[in-house]
Protein backbone atom coordinates (compact mmCIF):
# COMPACT_ATOMS: atom_id res chain seq x y z
CA UNK A 1 44.34 33.92 15.03
CA UNK A 2 41.86 32.26 17.52
CA UNK A 3 41.40 34.64 20.57
CA UNK A 4 41.16 33.15 24.29
CA UNK A 5 38.05 33.83 26.12
CA UNK A 6 38.36 36.76 28.57
CA UNK A 7 39.00 34.99 31.79
CA UNK A 8 41.34 35.51 34.39
CA UNK A 9 42.04 31.70 34.85
CA UNK A 10 43.94 31.55 31.84
CA UNK A 11 47.62 31.70 33.06
CA UNK A 12 50.97 31.89 31.45
CA UNK A 13 51.92 28.39 32.09
CA UNK A 14 48.64 27.55 29.72
CA UNK A 15 47.12 25.14 32.40
CA UNK A 16 43.51 24.17 31.20
CA UNK A 17 41.62 27.40 31.50
CA UNK A 18 38.37 26.36 29.66
CA UNK A 19 35.98 23.30 29.17
CA UNK A 20 33.69 22.36 26.48
CA UNK A 21 31.67 19.30 25.84
CA UNK A 22 31.21 18.22 22.22
CA UNK A 23 28.88 15.48 20.91
CA UNK A 24 29.52 13.55 17.91
CA UNK A 25 28.14 10.84 15.65
CA UNK A 26 30.30 7.56 14.77
CA UNK A 27 30.58 8.87 11.14
CA UNK A 28 32.58 12.00 12.37
CA UNK A 29 35.14 9.69 14.28
CA UNK A 30 36.51 8.67 10.82
CA UNK A 31 36.93 12.00 9.16
CA UNK A 32 36.62 15.06 10.73
CA UNK A 33 37.05 14.34 14.76
CA UNK A 34 40.99 13.61 14.08
CA UNK A 35 41.48 16.95 12.36
CA UNK A 36 39.43 18.55 14.88
CA UNK A 37 41.01 17.14 18.02
CA UNK A 38 44.53 17.80 16.67
CA UNK A 39 43.59 21.55 16.01
CA UNK A 40 42.46 21.87 19.48
CA UNK A 41 45.64 20.44 20.83
CA UNK A 42 47.81 22.93 18.69
CA UNK A 43 45.75 25.99 18.74
CA UNK A 44 43.79 26.07 22.03
CA UNK A 45 46.21 24.26 24.41
CA UNK A 46 44.22 26.13 27.41
CA UNK A 47 41.34 24.34 26.41
CA UNK A 48 39.93 20.96 28.17
CA UNK A 49 37.50 19.03 25.84
CA UNK A 50 35.19 16.08 26.61
CA UNK A 51 34.10 14.40 23.54
CA UNK A 52 30.80 12.04 23.86
CA UNK A 53 29.54 9.72 20.94
CA UNK A 54 25.87 10.11 20.72
CA UNK A 55 23.02 9.69 17.98
CA UNK A 56 21.88 12.91 16.31
CA UNK A 57 18.42 13.29 17.99
CA UNK A 58 19.97 12.36 21.38
CA UNK A 59 22.63 15.26 20.85
CA UNK A 60 19.68 17.60 20.40
CA UNK A 61 18.11 16.83 23.65
CA UNK A 62 21.39 17.09 25.50
CA UNK A 63 21.80 20.47 23.82
CA UNK A 64 18.61 21.49 24.94
CA UNK A 65 19.22 20.59 28.64
CA UNK A 66 22.71 22.10 28.23
CA UNK A 67 24.22 18.90 28.96
CA UNK A 68 26.47 19.66 25.42
CA UNK A 69 28.06 22.60 24.21
CA UNK A 70 28.10 21.58 20.57
CA UNK A 71 26.78 18.92 18.76
CA UNK A 72 28.36 17.23 15.46
CA UNK A 73 25.75 15.43 13.84
CA UNK A 74 23.39 14.67 10.81
CA UNK A 75 21.01 17.39 9.75
CA UNK A 76 17.91 15.69 11.15
CA UNK A 77 14.61 17.19 11.99
CA UNK A 78 15.00 19.67 14.88
CA UNK A 79 18.28 21.50 14.02
CA UNK A 80 16.40 24.24 12.81
CA UNK A 81 15.75 25.44 16.28
CA UNK A 82 19.49 25.78 16.80
CA UNK A 83 22.62 27.81 15.34
CA UNK A 84 24.28 25.40 12.79
CA UNK A 85 26.87 25.27 9.96
CA UNK A 86 28.20 22.47 7.79
CA UNK A 87 31.43 20.90 8.42
CA UNK A 88 31.54 17.86 6.43
CA UNK A 89 30.04 16.85 3.40
CA UNK A 90 31.17 12.96 2.49
CA UNK A 91 30.94 11.06 -0.70
CA UNK A 92 28.69 8.19 -0.54
CA UNK A 93 30.60 4.99 -1.42
CA UNK A 94 29.75 1.27 -2.17
CA UNK A 95 30.99 -1.10 0.15
CA UNK A 96 31.04 -4.69 -1.64
CA UNK A 97 32.18 -8.02 -0.59
CA UNK A 98 35.83 -8.84 -2.29
CA UNK A 99 34.25 -12.02 -3.87
CA UNK A 100 31.29 -10.25 -5.17
CA UNK A 101 31.05 -9.57 -9.31
CA UNK A 102 30.79 -6.01 -8.52
CA UNK A 103 34.13 -5.71 -6.90
CA UNK A 104 35.82 -5.90 -10.26
CA UNK A 105 34.41 -2.54 -11.19
CA UNK A 106 36.20 0.87 -10.41
CA UNK A 107 32.85 2.57 -10.21
CA UNK A 108 29.33 1.25 -9.34
CA UNK A 109 26.35 2.52 -11.30
CA UNK A 110 23.54 2.76 -8.66
CA UNK A 111 21.09 0.81 -10.66
CA UNK A 112 23.07 -2.34 -10.24
CA UNK A 113 21.98 -2.42 -6.48
CA UNK A 114 18.43 -3.48 -7.96
CA UNK A 115 17.39 -6.58 -6.03
CA UNK A 116 20.85 -7.18 -4.58
CA UNK A 117 20.95 -8.09 -0.72
CA UNK A 118 21.53 -4.90 1.19
CA UNK A 119 22.78 -4.02 4.42
CA UNK A 120 20.74 -0.85 5.38
CA UNK A 121 20.74 1.94 7.89
CA UNK A 122 17.95 1.35 10.44
CA UNK A 123 14.92 3.79 11.13
CA UNK A 124 17.12 4.95 14.36
CA UNK A 125 19.36 6.59 11.59
CA UNK A 126 16.58 8.74 9.90
CA UNK A 127 18.97 11.01 7.97
CA UNK A 128 20.98 8.16 6.29
CA UNK A 129 18.04 5.82 5.66
CA UNK A 130 15.88 8.57 4.05
CA UNK A 131 18.67 9.62 1.82
CA UNK A 132 19.39 6.07 0.42
CA UNK A 133 15.66 5.44 0.15
CA UNK A 134 15.27 8.53 -1.61
CA UNK A 135 18.18 7.63 -3.97
CA UNK A 136 16.55 4.24 -4.85
CA UNK A 137 13.25 5.69 -5.54
CA UNK A 138 15.06 8.19 -8.17
CA UNK A 139 16.68 5.16 -9.62
CA UNK A 140 13.69 3.16 -9.80
CA UNK A 141 15.27 0.17 -7.96
CA UNK A 142 14.63 -1.95 -4.81
CA UNK A 143 17.52 -3.64 -3.19
CA UNK A 144 16.58 -6.45 -0.94
CA UNK A 145 17.31 -5.23 2.97
CA UNK A 146 18.56 -8.15 4.63
CA UNK A 147 19.98 -6.55 7.77
CA UNK A 148 19.58 -3.02 9.35
CA UNK A 149 22.07 -1.02 11.83
CA UNK A 150 22.39 2.25 13.27
CA UNK A 151 25.77 2.75 12.52
CA UNK A 152 28.19 2.40 9.46
CA UNK A 153 30.54 -0.11 11.13
CA UNK A 154 28.40 -3.07 11.72
CA UNK A 155 26.95 -2.35 8.37
CA UNK A 156 30.61 -2.80 6.81
CA UNK A 157 31.30 -5.86 9.03
CA UNK A 158 28.25 -7.80 7.74
CA UNK A 159 29.59 -6.69 4.11
CA UNK A 160 33.02 -8.13 5.10
CA UNK A 161 30.99 -11.25 5.85
CA UNK A 162 29.71 -11.52 2.52
CA UNK A 163 25.93 -10.97 3.74
CA UNK A 164 25.21 -8.02 1.10
CA UNK A 165 26.17 -4.74 -0.33
CA UNK A 166 26.10 -1.43 1.40
CA UNK A 167 26.39 2.41 0.94
CA UNK A 168 28.26 4.07 3.36
CA UNK A 169 30.00 7.34 4.00
CA UNK A 170 33.61 7.59 2.34
CA UNK A 171 35.25 8.16 5.62
CA UNK A 172 34.79 4.57 7.09
CA UNK A 173 37.12 3.62 4.07
CA UNK A 174 39.86 5.02 6.62
CA UNK A 175 38.83 1.96 8.90
CA UNK A 176 40.50 -1.19 8.76
CA UNK A 177 38.19 -4.21 7.29
CA UNK A 178 39.16 -7.65 5.49
CA UNK A 179 37.39 -8.80 2.53
CA UNK A 180 35.62 -5.55 1.63
CA UNK A 181 36.30 -3.12 -1.28
CA UNK A 182 35.14 0.40 -1.30
CA UNK A 183 34.15 1.95 -4.80
CA UNK A 184 32.93 5.42 -5.79
CA UNK A 185 29.15 5.51 -7.12
CA UNK A 186 27.82 6.71 -10.45
CA UNK A 187 24.68 8.50 -10.30
CA UNK A 188 24.50 10.16 -13.73
CA UNK A 189 21.81 10.93 -15.22
CA UNK A 190 19.92 11.15 -12.23
CA UNK A 191 21.08 14.26 -10.74
CA UNK A 192 23.32 17.05 -11.62
CA UNK A 193 25.41 17.17 -8.49
CA UNK A 194 26.29 14.16 -6.11
CA UNK A 195 24.82 13.36 -2.88
CA UNK A 196 26.68 13.72 0.24
CA UNK A 197 26.39 12.57 3.86
CA UNK A 198 26.39 15.84 5.70
CA UNK A 199 27.69 16.39 9.04
CA UNK A 200 26.67 19.78 10.79
CA UNK A 201 27.84 21.40 13.92
CA UNK A 202 25.06 22.64 16.28
CA UNK A 203 24.79 24.94 19.12
CA UNK A 204 22.47 26.97 21.32
CA UNK A 205 22.20 30.61 20.52
CA UNK A 206 22.85 31.86 24.02
CA UNK A 207 25.85 30.00 26.18
CA UNK A 208 27.35 30.89 29.24
CA UNK A 209 30.59 29.08 28.17
CA UNK A 210 33.15 31.80 27.02
CA UNK A 211 35.26 28.93 25.66
CA UNK A 212 32.80 27.91 23.03
CA UNK A 213 33.29 30.73 20.61
CA UNK A 214 36.91 29.75 20.29
CA UNK A 215 35.84 26.29 19.33
CA UNK A 216 33.23 27.41 16.93
CA UNK A 217 35.75 29.37 15.11
CA UNK A 218 38.38 26.49 14.68
CA UNK A 219 35.31 24.33 13.47
CA UNK A 220 34.71 27.17 11.03
CA UNK A 221 38.18 27.19 9.68
CA UNK A 222 38.63 23.34 9.27
CA UNK A 223 35.34 23.08 7.43
CA UNK A 224 36.36 26.01 5.17
CA UNK A 225 39.70 23.72 4.36
CA UNK A 226 37.53 20.49 4.06
CA UNK A 227 38.57 18.92 0.80
CA UNK A 228 35.18 18.73 -1.43
CA UNK A 229 36.87 16.28 -4.03
CA UNK A 230 35.17 12.72 -4.52
CA UNK A 231 36.13 9.16 -3.32
CA UNK A 232 38.59 7.67 -5.91
């Protein structure tokens, strides 16, 4: 059971008696955030939550300034100064224009991206960009970066327009895009385990907000239940 914070403001009528501000990167909105919001509504009805979309580095700054209680972000440089836990590990999937020859395949070998036009994460998304660049180096391939964006949604939008291929978190396949197919990737024999797009919950060690503990516990339980299966 999730305990309520010890405060006289909680009443039998269950009026809002606590407030927590949570930052999130856009990728969390497709997978973890809907489950989290429902869990808050079902299990912490006394709690008022304000969600704020922000990039990972901005969230770290907001946490330092006490403008956020918790951040849902990529594990970028700087998170080691805070408390953190993994809440989501998303498979990588290929986003392919429906008219492209690779769209007929059920699984895409990473080496097939060599010299293909590619919609890449921009330097403002350092975690995702470094992850993909590392995979390309391991595979010995050089896709042709034709456009770069911070978030997955505009990347897939240009894939939909036929401008190139992309590799994105599997959760974005839950959104609706015309003329795009999503396919699992094949990394063998490059590595023993498949790479993932990670999202971590991050918070300050000390806090004057008694509601934060209950929120972190809900996140911990949801993370433990999060499926680890690949995209099929």
